[in-house]
Amino acid sequence: EPFLKELFESIAANPKMEVEVNLPEQTITNKATGKSEHFEINAYK
């Protein structure tokens, strides 16, 4: 929830900000703040 909230705030502050989604590493990074989180995904998928 906190990461999502910050993402919405970053987009509102700068609609041109980018997010990096790295499937091999299973990470999502808010490039405006530099914060990352790990996400889960089924290994087969």
PDB file of all heavy atoms in Angstrom:
ATOM      1  N   GLU A   1       0.828  -1.217   0.000  1.00  0.00           N
ATOM      2  CA  GLU A   1       0.000   0.000   0.000  1.00  0.00           C
ATOM      3  C   GLU A   1       0.869   1.277   0.000  1.00  0.00           C
ATOM      4  O   GLU A   1       0.610   2.193  -0.787  1.00  0.00           O
ATOM      5  CB  GLU A   1      -0.940   0.022   1.212  1.00  0.00           C
ATOM      6  CG  GLU A   1      -2.026  -1.046   1.174  1.00  0.00           C
ATOM      7  CD  GLU A   1      -3.216  -0.654   0.309  1.00  0.00           C
ATOM      8  OE1 GLU A   1      -3.320   0.502  -0.109  1.00  0.00           O
ATOM      9  OE2 GLU A   1      -4.035  -1.548   0.047  1.00  0.00           O
ATOM     10  N   PRO A   2       1.918   1.356   0.854  1.00  0.00           N
ATOM     11  CA  PRO A   2       2.749   2.580   0.844  1.00  0.00           C
ATOM     12  C   PRO A   2       3.454   2.810  -0.493  1.00  0.00           C
ATOM     13  O   PRO A   2       3.569   3.952  -0.950  1.00  0.00           O
ATOM     14  CB  PRO A   2       3.768   2.347   1.977  1.00  0.00           C
ATOM     15  CG  PRO A   2       3.146   1.303   2.851  1.00  0.00           C
ATOM     16  CD  PRO A   2       2.320   0.446   1.937  1.00  0.00           C
ATOM     17  N   PHE A   3       3.921   1.738  -1.130  1.00  0.00           N
ATOM     18  CA  PHE A   3       4.601   1.869  -2.427  1.00  0.00           C
ATOM     19  C   PHE A   3       3.616   2.373  -3.478  1.00  0.00           C
ATOM     20  O   PHE A   3       3.935   3.252  -4.278  1.00  0.00           O
ATOM     21  CB  PHE A   3       5.207   0.523  -2.856  1.00  0.00           C
ATOM     22  CG  PHE A   3       6.105   0.616  -4.071  1.00  0.00           C
ATOM     23  CD1 PHE A   3       7.459   0.883  -3.942  1.00  0.00           C
ATOM     24  CD2 PHE A   3       5.589   0.437  -5.353  1.00  0.00           C
ATOM     25  CE1 PHE A   3       8.292   0.962  -5.062  1.00  0.00           C
ATOM     26  CE2 PHE A   3       6.406   0.516  -6.478  1.00  0.00           C
ATOM     27  CZ  PHE A   3       7.761   0.783  -6.330  1.00  0.00           C
ATOM     28  N   LEU A   4       2.397   1.826  -3.454  1.00  0.00           N
ATOM     29  CA  LEU A   4       1.369   2.242  -4.411  1.00  0.00           C
ATOM     30  C   LEU A   4       1.023   3.719  -4.211  1.00  0.00           C
ATOM     31  O   LEU A   4       0.925   4.478  -5.175  1.00  0.00           O
ATOM     32  CB  LEU A   4       0.114   1.369  -4.245  1.00  0.00           C
ATOM     33  CG  LEU A   4      -1.000   1.588  -5.269  1.00  0.00           C
ATOM     34  CD1 LEU A   4      -0.547   1.211  -6.676  1.00  0.00           C
ATOM     35  CD2 LEU A   4      -2.249   0.801  -4.895  1.00  0.00           C
ATOM     36  N   LYS A   5       0.865   4.115  -2.957  1.00  0.00           N
ATOM     37  CA  LYS A   5       0.526   5.509  -2.628  1.00  0.00           C
ATOM     38  C   LYS A   5       1.615   6.448  -3.157  1.00  0.00           C
ATOM     39  O   LYS A   5       1.332   7.474  -3.781  1.00  0.00           O
ATOM     40  CB  LYS A   5       0.373   5.646  -1.109  1.00  0.00           C
ATOM     41  CG  LYS A   5      -0.031   7.036  -0.625  1.00  0.00           C
ATOM     42  CD  LYS A   5      -0.282   7.009   0.892  1.00  0.00           C
ATOM     43  CE  LYS A   5      -0.704   8.378   1.394  1.00  0.00           C
ATOM     44  NZ  LYS A   5       0.427   9.315   1.492  1.00  0.00           N
ATOM     45  N   GLU A   6       2.860   6.058  -2.931  1.00  0.00           N
ATOM     46  CA  GLU A   6       3.984   6.888  -3.391  1.00  0.00           C
ATOM     47  C   GLU A   6       4.029   6.957  -4.920  1.00  0.00           C
ATOM     48  O   GLU A   6       4.354   7.994  -5.495  1.00  0.00           O
ATOM     49  CB  GLU A   6       5.306   6.345  -2.842  1.00  0.00           C
ATOM     50  CG  GLU A   6       6.473   7.258  -3.135  1.00  0.00           C
ATOM     51  CD  GLU A   6       7.795   6.693  -2.651  1.00  0.00           C
ATOM     52  OE1 GLU A   6       8.346   5.796  -3.322  1.00  0.00           O
ATOM     53  OE2 GLU A   6       8.267   7.138  -1.588  1.00  0.00           O
ATOM     54  N   LEU A   7       3.682   5.856  -5.566  1.00  0.00           N
ATOM     55  CA  LEU A   7       3.648   5.816  -7.027  1.00  0.00           C
ATOM     56  C   LEU A   7       2.625   6.824  -7.557  1.00  0.00           C
ATOM     57  O   LEU A   7       2.925   7.605  -8.467  1.00  0.00           O
ATOM     58  CB  LEU A   7       3.288   4.397  -7.471  1.00  0.00           C
ATOM     59  CG  LEU A   7       3.907   3.821  -8.741  1.00  0.00           C
ATOM     60  CD1 LEU A   7       5.401   4.083  -8.823  1.00  0.00           C
ATOM     61  CD2 LEU A   7       3.617   2.336  -8.833  1.00  0.00           C
ATOM     62  N   PHE A   8       1.428   6.806  -6.980  1.00  0.00           N
ATOM     63  CA  PHE A   8       0.395   7.774  -7.388  1.00  0.00           C
ATOM     64  C   PHE A   8       0.874   9.207  -7.167  1.00  0.00           C
ATOM     65  O   PHE A   8       0.658  10.083  -8.010  1.00  0.00           O
ATOM     66  CB  PHE A   8      -0.917   7.537  -6.630  1.00  0.00           C
ATOM     67  CG  PHE A   8      -1.740   6.391  -7.155  1.00  0.00           C
ATOM     68  CD1 PHE A   8      -2.204   5.397  -6.312  1.00  0.00           C
ATOM     69  CD2 PHE A   8      -2.082   6.310  -8.507  1.00  0.00           C
ATOM     70  CE1 PHE A   8      -2.985   4.341  -6.794  1.00  0.00           C
ATOM     71  CE2 PHE A   8      -2.856   5.257  -9.002  1.00  0.00           C
ATOM     72  CZ  PHE A   8      -3.304   4.279  -8.140  1.00  0.00           C
ATOM     73  N   GLU A   9       1.547   9.440  -6.044  1.00  0.00           N
ATOM     74  CA  GLU A   9       2.055  10.791  -5.735  1.00  0.00           C
ATOM     75  C   GLU A   9       3.121  11.214  -6.736  1.00  0.00           C
ATOM     76  O   GLU A   9       3.129  12.360  -7.210  1.00  0.00           O
ATOM     77  CB  GLU A   9       2.615  10.836  -4.303  1.00  0.00           C
ATOM     78  CG  GLU A   9       1.524  10.796  -3.236  1.00  0.00           C
ATOM     79  CD  GLU A   9       2.050  10.516  -1.835  1.00  0.00           C
ATOM     80  OE1 GLU A   9       3.288  10.306  -1.677  1.00  0.00           O
ATOM     81  OE2 GLU A   9       1.233  10.495  -0.897  1.00  0.00           O
ATOM     82  N   SER A  10       4.011  10.294  -7.097  1.00  0.00           N
ATOM     83  CA  SER A  10       5.079  10.591  -8.064  1.00  0.00           C
ATOM     84  C   SER A  10       4.507  10.912  -9.439  1.00  0.00           C
ATOM     85  O   SER A  10       4.974  11.825 -10.124  1.00  0.00           O
ATOM     86  CB  SER A  10       6.054   9.415  -8.178  1.00  0.00           C
ATOM     87  OG  SER A  10       6.738   9.207  -6.965  1.00  0.00           O
ATOM     88  N   ILE A  11       3.481  10.146  -9.859  1.00  0.00           N
ATOM     89  CA  ILE A  11       2.857  10.379 -11.173  1.00  0.00           C
ATOM     90  C   ILE A  11       2.147  11.737 -11.176  1.00  0.00           C
ATOM     91  O   ILE A  11       2.225  12.489 -12.145  1.00  0.00           O
ATOM     92  CB  ILE A  11       1.875   9.237 -11.545  1.00  0.00           C
ATOM     93  CG1 ILE A  11       2.622   7.900 -11.669  1.00  0.00           C
ATOM     94  CG2 ILE A  11       1.156   9.544 -12.853  1.00  0.00           C
ATOM     95  CD1 ILE A  11       1.716   6.669 -11.650  1.00  0.00           C
ATOM     96  N   ALA A  12       1.465  12.051 -10.072  1.00  0.00           N
ATOM     97  CA  ALA A  12       0.753  13.339  -9.970  1.00  0.00           C
ATOM     98  C   ALA A  12       1.742  14.503 -10.033  1.00  0.00           C
ATOM     99  O   ALA A  12       1.483  15.526 -10.673  1.00  0.00           O
ATOM    100  CB  ALA A  12      -0.053  13.389  -8.674  1.00  0.00           C
ATOM    101  N   ALA A  13       2.898  14.325  -9.393  1.00  0.00           N
ATOM    102  CA  ALA A  13       3.917  15.387  -9.368  1.00  0.00           C
ATOM    103  C   ALA A  13       4.581  15.560 -10.727  1.00  0.00           C
ATOM    104  O   ALA A  13       4.928  16.670 -11.130  1.00  0.00           O
ATOM    105  CB  ALA A  13       4.971  15.067  -8.304  1.00  0.00           C
ATOM    106  N   ASN A  14       4.766  14.424 -11.451  1.00  0.00           N
ATOM    107  CA  ASN A  14       5.402  14.475 -12.767  1.00  0.00           C
ATOM    108  C   ASN A  14       4.886  13.332 -13.642  1.00  0.00           C
ATOM    109  O   ASN A  14       5.387  12.207 -13.555  1.00  0.00           O
ATOM    110  CB  ASN A  14       6.934  14.381 -12.630  1.00  0.00           C
ATOM    111  CG  ASN A  14       7.608  14.317 -13.998  1.00  0.00           C
ATOM    112  OD1 ASN A  14       6.998  14.602 -15.027  1.00  0.00           O
ATOM    113  ND2 ASN A  14       8.862  13.913 -14.004  1.00  0.00           N
ATOM    114  N   PRO A  15       3.883  13.611 -14.494  1.00  0.00           N
ATOM    115  CA  PRO A  15       3.313  12.559 -15.344  1.00  0.00           C
ATOM    116  C   PRO A  15       4.328  11.900 -16.286  1.00  0.00           C
ATOM    117  O   PRO A  15       4.058  10.830 -16.825  1.00  0.00           O
ATOM    118  CB  PRO A  15       2.228  13.294 -16.144  1.00  0.00           C
ATOM    119  CG  PRO A  15       1.880  14.485 -15.318  1.00  0.00           C
ATOM    120  CD  PRO A  15       3.161  14.889 -14.644  1.00  0.00           C
ATOM    121  N   LYS A  16       5.486  12.512 -16.464  1.00  0.00           N
ATOM    122  CA  LYS A  16       6.509  11.930 -17.354  1.00  0.00           C
ATOM    123  C   LYS A  16       7.483  11.026 -16.599  1.00  0.00           C
ATOM    124  O   LYS A  16       8.405  10.452 -17.187  1.00  0.00           O
ATOM    125  CB  LYS A  16       7.301  13.044 -18.067  1.00  0.00           C
ATOM    126  CG  LYS A  16       6.421  13.907 -18.983  1.00  0.00           C
ATOM    127  CD  LYS A  16       6.008  13.160 -20.239  1.00  0.00           C
ATOM    128  CE  LYS A  16       4.958  13.889 -21.039  1.00  0.00           C
ATOM    129  NZ  LYS A  16       3.673  13.213 -21.080  1.00  0.00           N
ATOM    130  N   MET A  17       7.286  10.895 -15.271  1.00  0.00           N
ATOM    131  CA  MET A  17       8.167  10.001 -14.509  1.00  0.00           C
ATOM    132  C   MET A  17       7.985   8.566 -14.990  1.00  0.00           C
ATOM    133  O   MET A  17       6.930   8.195 -15.514  1.00  0.00           O
ATOM    134  CB  MET A  17       7.918  10.123 -12.999  1.00  0.00           C
ATOM    135  CG  MET A  17       6.553   9.656 -12.495  1.00  0.00           C
ATOM    136  SD  MET A  17       6.306   7.869 -12.348  1.00  0.00           S
ATOM    137  CE  MET A  17       7.251   7.469 -10.935  1.00  0.00           C
ATOM    138  N   GLU A  18       9.038   7.756 -14.824  1.00  0.00           N
ATOM    139  CA  GLU A  18       8.989   6.383 -15.327  1.00  0.00           C
ATOM    140  C   GLU A  18       9.088   5.359 -14.207  1.00  0.00           C
ATOM    141  O   GLU A  18       9.624   5.630 -13.137  1.00  0.00           O
ATOM    142  CB  GLU A  18      10.131   6.145 -16.326  1.00  0.00           C
ATOM    143  CG  GLU A  18       9.939   6.904 -17.636  1.00  0.00           C
ATOM    144  CD  GLU A  18      11.019   6.576 -18.651  1.00  0.00           C
ATOM    145  OE1 GLU A  18      12.179   6.354 -18.260  1.00  0.00           O
ATOM    146  OE2 GLU A  18      10.679   6.538 -19.845  1.00  0.00           O
ATOM    147  N   VAL A  19       8.566   4.198 -14.508  1.00  0.00           N
ATOM    148  CA  VAL A  19       8.659   3.048 -13.618  1.00  0.00           C
ATOM    149  C   VAL A  19       9.360   1.935 -14.395  1.00  0.00           C
ATOM    150  O   VAL A  19       9.103   1.759 -15.586  1.00  0.00           O
ATOM    151  CB  VAL A  19       7.247   2.595 -13.168  1.00  0.00           C
ATOM    152  CG1 VAL A  19       7.281   1.217 -12.540  1.00  0.00           C
ATOM    153  CG2 VAL A  19       6.659   3.611 -12.201  1.00  0.00           C
ATOM    154  N   GLU A  20      10.264   1.247 -13.716  1.00  0.00           N
ATOM    155  CA  GLU A  20      10.936   0.096 -14.343  1.00  0.00           C
ATOM    156  C   GLU A  20      10.402  -1.179 -13.719  1.00  0.00           C
ATOM    157  O   GLU A  20      10.411  -1.332 -12.499  1.00  0.00           O
ATOM    158  CB  GLU A  20      12.448   0.164 -14.122  1.00  0.00           C
ATOM    159  CG  GLU A  20      13.169  -1.019 -14.780  1.00  0.00           C
ATOM    160  CD  GLU A  20      14.633  -1.106 -14.385  1.00  0.00           C
ATOM    161  OE1 GLU A  20      15.455  -0.458 -15.047  1.00  0.00           O
ATOM    162  OE2 GLU A  20      14.937  -1.823 -13.400  1.00  0.00           O
ATOM    163  N   VAL A  21       9.932  -2.075 -14.575  1.00  0.00           N
ATOM    164  CA  VAL A  21       9.478  -3.386 -14.126  1.00  0.00           C
ATOM    165  C   VAL A  21      10.445  -4.408 -14.699  1.00  0.00           C
ATOM    166  O   VAL A  21      10.560  -4.560 -15.912  1.00  0.00           O
ATOM    167  CB  VAL A  21       8.033  -3.672 -14.594  1.00  0.00           C
ATOM    168  CG1 VAL A  21       7.609  -5.071 -14.176  1.00  0.00           C
ATOM    169  CG2 VAL A  21       7.071  -2.632 -14.021  1.00  0.00           C
ATOM    170  N   ASN A  22      11.169  -5.068 -13.809  1.00  0.00           N
ATOM    171  CA  ASN A  22      12.201  -6.027 -14.191  1.00  0.00           C
ATOM    172  C   ASN A  22      11.690  -7.426 -13.855  1.00  0.00           C
ATOM    173  O   ASN A  22      11.693  -7.836 -12.695  1.00  0.00           O
ATOM    174  CB  ASN A  22      13.490  -5.702 -13.417  1.00  0.00           C
ATOM    175  CG  ASN A  22      14.654  -6.581 -13.822  1.00  0.00           C
ATOM    176  OD1 ASN A  22      14.486  -7.770 -14.090  1.00  0.00           O
ATOM    177  ND2 ASN A  22      15.850  -6.024 -13.834  1.00  0.00           N
ATOM    178  N   LEU A  23      11.219  -8.137 -14.883  1.00  0.00           N
ATOM    179  CA  LEU A  23      10.658  -9.471 -14.648  1.00  0.00           C
ATOM    180  C   LEU A  23      11.721 -10.481 -14.223  1.00  0.00           C
ATOM    181  O   LEU A  23      11.501 -11.223 -13.268  1.00  0.00           O
ATOM    182  CB  LEU A  23       9.878  -9.960 -15.873  1.00  0.00           C
ATOM    183  CG  LEU A  23       9.216 -11.341 -15.731  1.00  0.00           C
ATOM    184  CD1 LEU A  23       8.277 -11.417 -14.535  1.00  0.00           C
ATOM    185  CD2 LEU A  23       8.495 -11.727 -17.010  1.00  0.00           C
ATOM    186  N   PRO A  24      12.909 -10.533 -14.864  1.00  0.00           N
ATOM    187  CA  PRO A  24      13.909 -11.510 -14.415  1.00  0.00           C
ATOM    188  C   PRO A  24      14.242 -11.363 -12.926  1.00  0.00           C
ATOM    189  O   PRO A  24      14.371 -12.352 -12.208  1.00  0.00           O
ATOM    190  CB  PRO A  24      15.129 -11.208 -15.286  1.00  0.00           C
ATOM    191  CG  PRO A  24      14.558 -10.593 -16.528  1.00  0.00           C
ATOM    192  CD  PRO A  24      13.358  -9.813 -16.081  1.00  0.00           C
ATOM    193  N   GLU A  25      14.371 -10.108 -12.459  1.00  0.00           N
ATOM    194  CA  GLU A  25      14.719  -9.865 -11.052  1.00  0.00           C
ATOM    195  C   GLU A  25      13.483  -9.793 -10.150  1.00  0.00           C
ATOM    196  O   GLU A  25      13.602  -9.754  -8.929  1.00  0.00           O
ATOM    197  CB  GLU A  25      15.489  -8.539 -10.924  1.00  0.00           C
ATOM    198  CG  GLU A  25      16.809  -8.494 -11.681  1.00  0.00           C
ATOM    199  CD  GLU A  25      17.858  -9.405 -11.085  1.00  0.00           C
ATOM    200  OE1 GLU A  25      17.927  -9.515  -9.838  1.00  0.00           O
ATOM    201  OE2 GLU A  25      18.603 -10.022 -11.871  1.00  0.00           O
ATOM    202  N   GLN A  26      12.299  -9.706 -10.773  1.00  0.00           N
ATOM    203  CA  GLN A  26      11.036  -9.550 -10.051  1.00  0.00           C
ATOM    204  C   GLN A  26      11.035  -8.297  -9.168  1.00  0.00           C
ATOM    205  O   GLN A  26      10.670  -8.337  -7.999  1.00  0.00           O
ATOM    206  CB  GLN A  26      10.693 -10.796  -9.229  1.00  0.00           C
ATOM    207  CG  GLN A  26      10.374 -11.998 -10.104  1.00  0.00           C
ATOM    208  CD  GLN A  26      10.140 -13.280  -9.313  1.00  0.00           C
ATOM    209  OE1 GLN A  26      10.646 -14.334  -9.691  1.00  0.00           O
ATOM    210  NE2 GLN A  26       9.397 -13.195  -8.232  1.00  0.00           N
ATOM    211  N   THR A  27      11.470  -7.178  -9.780  1.00  0.00           N
ATOM    212  CA  THR A  27      11.466  -5.915  -9.038  1.00  0.00           C
ATOM    213  C   THR A  27      10.710  -4.846  -9.817  1.00  0.00           C
ATOM    214  O   THR A  27      10.668  -4.872 -11.048  1.00  0.00           O
ATOM    215  CB  THR A  27      12.899  -5.391  -8.780  1.00  0.00           C
ATOM    216  OG1 THR A  27      13.564  -5.235 -10.039  1.00  0.00           O
ATOM    217  CG2 THR A  27      13.684  -6.308  -7.866  1.00  0.00           C
ATOM    218  N   ILE A  28      10.134  -3.911  -9.071  1.00  0.00           N
ATOM    219  CA  ILE A  28       9.514  -2.727  -9.651  1.00  0.00           C
ATOM    220  C   ILE A  28      10.163  -1.522  -8.986  1.00  0.00           C
ATOM    221  O   ILE A  28      10.338  -1.500  -7.771  1.00  0.00           O
ATOM    222  CB  ILE A  28       7.979  -2.726  -9.476  1.00  0.00           C
ATOM    223  CG1 ILE A  28       7.382  -1.424 -10.032  1.00  0.00           C
ATOM    224  CG2 ILE A  28       7.553  -2.970  -8.025  1.00  0.00           C
ATOM    225  CD1 ILE A  28       5.869  -1.421 -10.145  1.00  0.00           C
ATOM    226  N   THR A  29      10.573  -0.546  -9.795  1.00  0.00           N
ATOM    227  CA  THR A  29      11.280   0.624  -9.277  1.00  0.00           C
ATOM    228  C   THR A  29      10.581   1.908  -9.695  1.00  0.00           C
ATOM    229  O   THR A  29      10.305   2.115 -10.880  1.00  0.00           O
ATOM    230  CB  THR A  29      12.741   0.654  -9.798  1.00  0.00           C
ATOM    231  OG1 THR A  29      13.376  -0.597  -9.455  1.00  0.00           O
ATOM    232  CG2 THR A  29      13.525   1.813  -9.194  1.00  0.00           C
ATOM    233  N   ASN A  30      10.307   2.746  -8.719  1.00  0.00           N
ATOM    234  CA  ASN A  30       9.792   4.092  -8.958  1.00  0.00           C
ATOM    235  C   ASN A  30      11.019   4.956  -9.254  1.00  0.00           C
ATOM    236  O   ASN A  30      11.798   5.270  -8.360  1.00  0.00           O
ATOM    237  CB  ASN A  30       9.059   4.585  -7.704  1.00  0.00           C
ATOM    238  CG  ASN A  30       8.565   6.010  -7.827  1.00  0.00           C
ATOM    239  OD1 ASN A  30       9.014   6.783  -8.672  1.00  0.00           O
ATOM    240  ND2 ASN A  30       7.632   6.381  -6.963  1.00  0.00           N
ATOM    241  N   LYS A  31      11.221   5.314 -10.522  1.00  0.00           N
ATOM    242  CA  LYS A  31      12.453   6.015 -10.908  1.00  0.00           C
ATOM    243  C   LYS A  31      12.483   7.460 -10.396  1.00  0.00           C
ATOM    244  O   LYS A  31      13.538   8.084 -10.380  1.00  0.00           O
ATOM    245  CB  LYS A  31      12.648   5.943 -12.419  1.00  0.00           C
ATOM    246  CG  LYS A  31      12.837   4.474 -12.854  1.00  0.00           C
ATOM    247  CD  LYS A  31      13.357   4.323 -14.245  1.00  0.00           C
ATOM    248  CE  LYS A  31      14.856   4.430 -14.251  1.00  0.00           C
ATOM    249  NZ  LYS A  31      15.454   4.049 -15.523  1.00  0.00           N
ATOM    250  N   ALA A  32      11.327   7.977  -9.957  1.00  0.00           N
ATOM    251  CA  ALA A  32      11.293   9.333  -9.401  1.00  0.00           C
ATOM    252  C   ALA A  32      11.897   9.371  -7.998  1.00  0.00           C
ATOM    253  O   ALA A  32      12.527  10.349  -7.604  1.00  0.00           O
ATOM    254  CB  ALA A  32       9.863   9.856  -9.359  1.00  0.00           C
ATOM    255  N   THR A  33      11.709   8.271  -7.244  1.00  0.00           N
ATOM    256  CA  THR A  33      12.217   8.232  -5.862  1.00  0.00           C
ATOM    257  C   THR A  33      13.370   7.252  -5.690  1.00  0.00           C
ATOM    258  O   THR A  33      14.078   7.287  -4.684  1.00  0.00           O
ATOM    259  CB  THR A  33      11.099   7.801  -4.889  1.00  0.00           C
ATOM    260  OG1 THR A  33      10.691   6.461  -5.230  1.00  0.00           O
ATOM    261  CG2 THR A  33       9.904   8.745  -4.952  1.00  0.00           C
ATOM    262  N   GLY A  34      13.540   6.348  -6.669  1.00  0.00           N
ATOM    263  CA  GLY A  34      14.584   5.326  -6.559  1.00  0.00           C
ATOM    264  C   GLY A  34      14.174   4.132  -5.717  1.00  0.00           C
ATOM    265  O   GLY A  34      14.942   3.189  -5.539  1.00  0.00           O
ATOM    266  N   LYS A  35      12.957   4.150  -5.192  1.00  0.00           N
ATOM    267  CA  LYS A  35      12.520   3.038  -4.330  1.00  0.00           C
ATOM    268  C   LYS A  35      12.076   1.851  -5.173  1.00  0.00           C
ATOM    269  O   LYS A  35      11.448   2.008  -6.214  1.00  0.00           O
ATOM    270  CB  LYS A  35      11.373   3.484  -3.427  1.00  0.00           C
ATOM    271  CG  LYS A  35      11.851   4.399  -2.311  1.00  0.00           C
ATOM    272  CD  LYS A  35      10.819   4.514  -1.214  1.00  0.00           C
ATOM    273  CE  LYS A  35      11.350   5.484  -0.159  1.00  0.00           C
ATOM    274  NZ  LYS A  35      10.280   6.123   0.598  1.00  0.00           N
ATOM    275  N   SER A  36      12.429   0.656  -4.679  1.00  0.00           N
ATOM    276  CA  SER A  36      12.086  -0.593  -5.367  1.00  0.00           C
ATOM    277  C   SER A  36      11.363  -1.536  -4.430  1.00  0.00           C
ATOM    278  O   SER A  36      11.550  -1.473  -3.214  1.00  0.00           O
ATOM    279  CB  SER A  36      13.353  -1.322  -5.837  1.00  0.00           C
ATOM    280  OG  SER A  36      13.917  -0.673  -6.928  1.00  0.00           O
ATOM    281  N   GLU A  37      10.572  -2.412  -5.022  1.00  0.00           N
ATOM    282  CA  GLU A  37       9.973  -3.518  -4.271  1.00  0.00           C
ATOM    283  C   GLU A  37      10.096  -4.787  -5.093  1.00  0.00           C
ATOM    284  O   GLU A  37      10.151  -4.739  -6.324  1.00  0.00           O
ATOM    285  CB  GLU A  37       8.484  -3.250  -3.980  1.00  0.00           C
ATOM    286  CG  GLU A  37       8.265  -2.468  -2.718  1.00  0.00           C
ATOM    287  CD  GLU A  37       6.830  -2.534  -2.188  1.00  0.00           C
ATOM    288  OE1 GLU A  37       5.946  -3.188  -2.792  1.00  0.00           O
ATOM    289  OE2 GLU A  37       6.610  -1.912  -1.155  1.00  0.00           O
ATOM    290  N   HIS A  38      10.144  -5.899  -4.382  1.00  0.00           N
ATOM    291  CA  HIS A  38      10.166  -7.218  -5.008  1.00  0.00           C
ATOM    292  C   HIS A  38       8.717  -7.667  -5.174  1.00  0.00           C
ATOM    293  O   HIS A  38       7.892  -7.394  -4.308  1.00  0.00           O
ATOM    294  CB  HIS A  38      10.934  -8.195  -4.103  1.00  0.00           C
ATOM    295  CG  HIS A  38      11.109  -9.545  -4.705  1.00  0.00           C
ATOM    296  ND1 HIS A  38      10.215 -10.573  -4.503  1.00  0.00           N
ATOM    297  CD2 HIS A  38      12.065 -10.044  -5.524  1.00  0.00           C
ATOM    298  CE1 HIS A  38      10.619 -11.642  -5.169  1.00  0.00           C
ATOM    299  NE2 HIS A  38      11.735 -11.353  -5.797  1.00  0.00           N
ATOM    300  N   PHE A  39       8.391  -8.332  -6.291  1.00  0.00           N
ATOM    301  CA  PHE A  39       7.034  -8.864  -6.450  1.00  0.00           C
ATOM    302  C   PHE A  39       7.086 -10.358  -6.740  1.00  0.00           C
ATOM    303  O   PHE A  39       8.088 -10.873  -7.230  1.00  0.00           O
ATOM    304  CB  PHE A  39       6.253  -8.111  -7.549  1.00  0.00           C
ATOM    305  CG  PHE A  39       6.840  -8.205  -8.934  1.00  0.00           C
ATOM    306  CD1 PHE A  39       6.529  -9.261  -9.776  1.00  0.00           C
ATOM    307  CD2 PHE A  39       7.697  -7.214  -9.402  1.00  0.00           C
ATOM    308  CE1 PHE A  39       7.066  -9.335 -11.061  1.00  0.00           C
ATOM    309  CE2 PHE A  39       8.242  -7.280 -10.684  1.00  0.00           C
ATOM    310  CZ  PHE A  39       7.916  -8.347 -11.512  1.00  0.00           C
ATOM    311  N   GLU A  40       6.005 -11.031  -6.399  1.00  0.00           N
ATOM    312  CA  GLU A  40       5.916 -12.478  -6.593  1.00  0.00           C
ATOM    313  C   GLU A  40       5.271 -12.796  -7.940  1.00  0.00           C
ATOM    314  O   GLU A  40       4.421 -12.043  -8.420  1.00  0.00           O
ATOM    315  CB  GLU A  40       5.059 -13.108  -5.473  1.00  0.00           C
ATOM    316  CG  GLU A  40       5.659 -12.998  -4.078  1.00  0.00           C
ATOM    317  CD  GLU A  40       7.030 -13.637  -3.961  1.00  0.00           C
ATOM    318  OE1 GLU A  40       7.229 -14.734  -4.534  1.00  0.00           O
ATOM    319  OE2 GLU A  40       7.912 -13.035  -3.315  1.00  0.00           O
ATOM    320  N   ILE A  41       5.682 -13.904  -8.528  1.00  0.00           N
ATOM    321  CA  ILE A  41       5.028 -14.413  -9.740  1.00  0.00           C
ATOM    322  C   ILE A  41       5.251 -15.918  -9.792  1.00  0.00           C
ATOM    323  O   ILE A  41       6.317 -16.419  -9.415  1.00  0.00           O
ATOM    324  CB  ILE A  41       5.561 -13.723 -11.032  1.00  0.00           C
ATOM    325  CG1 ILE A  41       4.811 -14.254 -12.261  1.00  0.00           C
ATOM    326  CG2 ILE A  41       7.078 -13.858 -11.179  1.00  0.00           C
ATOM    327  CD1 ILE A  41       5.087 -13.514 -13.559  1.00  0.00           C
ATOM    328  N   ASN A  42       4.250 -16.635 -10.244  1.00  0.00           N
ATOM    329  CA  ASN A  42       4.348 -18.074 -10.429  1.00  0.00           C
ATOM    330  C   ASN A  42       5.510 -18.367 -11.393  1.00  0.00           C
ATOM    331  O   ASN A  42       5.620 -17.738 -12.444  1.00  0.00           O
ATOM    332  CB  ASN A  42       2.996 -18.545 -11.000  1.00  0.00           C
ATOM    333  CG  ASN A  42       3.012 -19.974 -11.480  1.00  0.00           C
ATOM    334  OD1 ASN A  42       3.594 -20.282 -12.512  1.00  0.00           O
ATOM    335  ND2 ASN A  42       2.371 -20.834 -10.734  1.00  0.00           N
ATOM    336  N   ALA A  43       6.367 -19.324 -11.021  1.00  0.00           N
ATOM    337  CA  ALA A  43       7.586 -19.600 -11.799  1.00  0.00           C
ATOM    338  C   ALA A  43       7.269 -20.026 -13.244  1.00  0.00           C
ATOM    339  O   ALA A  43       7.965 -19.629 -14.181  1.00  0.00           O
ATOM    340  CB  ALA A  43       8.407 -20.686 -11.105  1.00  0.00           C
ATOM    341  N   TYR A  44       6.217 -20.818 -13.418  1.00  0.00           N
ATOM    342  CA  TYR A  44       5.827 -21.261 -14.769  1.00  0.00           C
ATOM    343  C   TYR A  44       5.385 -20.070 -15.614  1.00  0.00           C
ATOM    344  O   TYR A  44       5.779 -19.923 -16.769  1.00  0.00           O
ATOM    345  CB  TYR A  44       4.715 -22.323 -14.666  1.00  0.00           C
ATOM    346  CG  TYR A  44       4.013 -22.590 -15.977  1.00  0.00           C
ATOM    347  CD1 TYR A  44       4.686 -23.213 -17.025  1.00  0.00           C
ATOM    348  CD2 TYR A  44       2.686 -22.202 -16.171  1.00  0.00           C
ATOM    349  CE1 TYR A  44       4.052 -23.449 -18.246  1.00  0.00           C
ATOM    350  CE2 TYR A  44       2.049 -22.443 -17.385  1.00  0.00           C
ATOM    351  CZ  TYR A  44       2.733 -23.060 -18.415  1.00  0.00           C
ATOM    352  OH  TYR A  44       2.106 -23.278 -19.613  1.00  0.00           O
ATOM    353  N   LYS A  45       4.551 -19.186 -15.010  1.00  0.00           N
ATOM    354  CA  LYS A  45       4.068 -18.010 -15.752  1.00  0.00           C
ATOM    355  C   LYS A  45       5.223 -17.063 -16.087  1.00  0.00           C
ATOM    356  O   LYS A  45       5.252 -16.449 -17.157  1.00  0.00           O
ATOM    357  CB  LYS A  45       2.977 -17.272 -14.959  1.00  0.00           C
ATOM    358  CG  LYS A  45       1.656 -18.004 -14.964  1.00  0.00           C
ATOM    359  CD  LYS A  45       1.105 -18.100 -16.380  1.00  0.00           C
ATOM    360  CE  LYS A  45      -0.159 -18.884 -16.503  1.00  0.00           C
ATOM    361  NZ  LYS A  45      -0.520 -19.185 -17.883  1.00  0.00           N
TER     362      LYS A  45
END
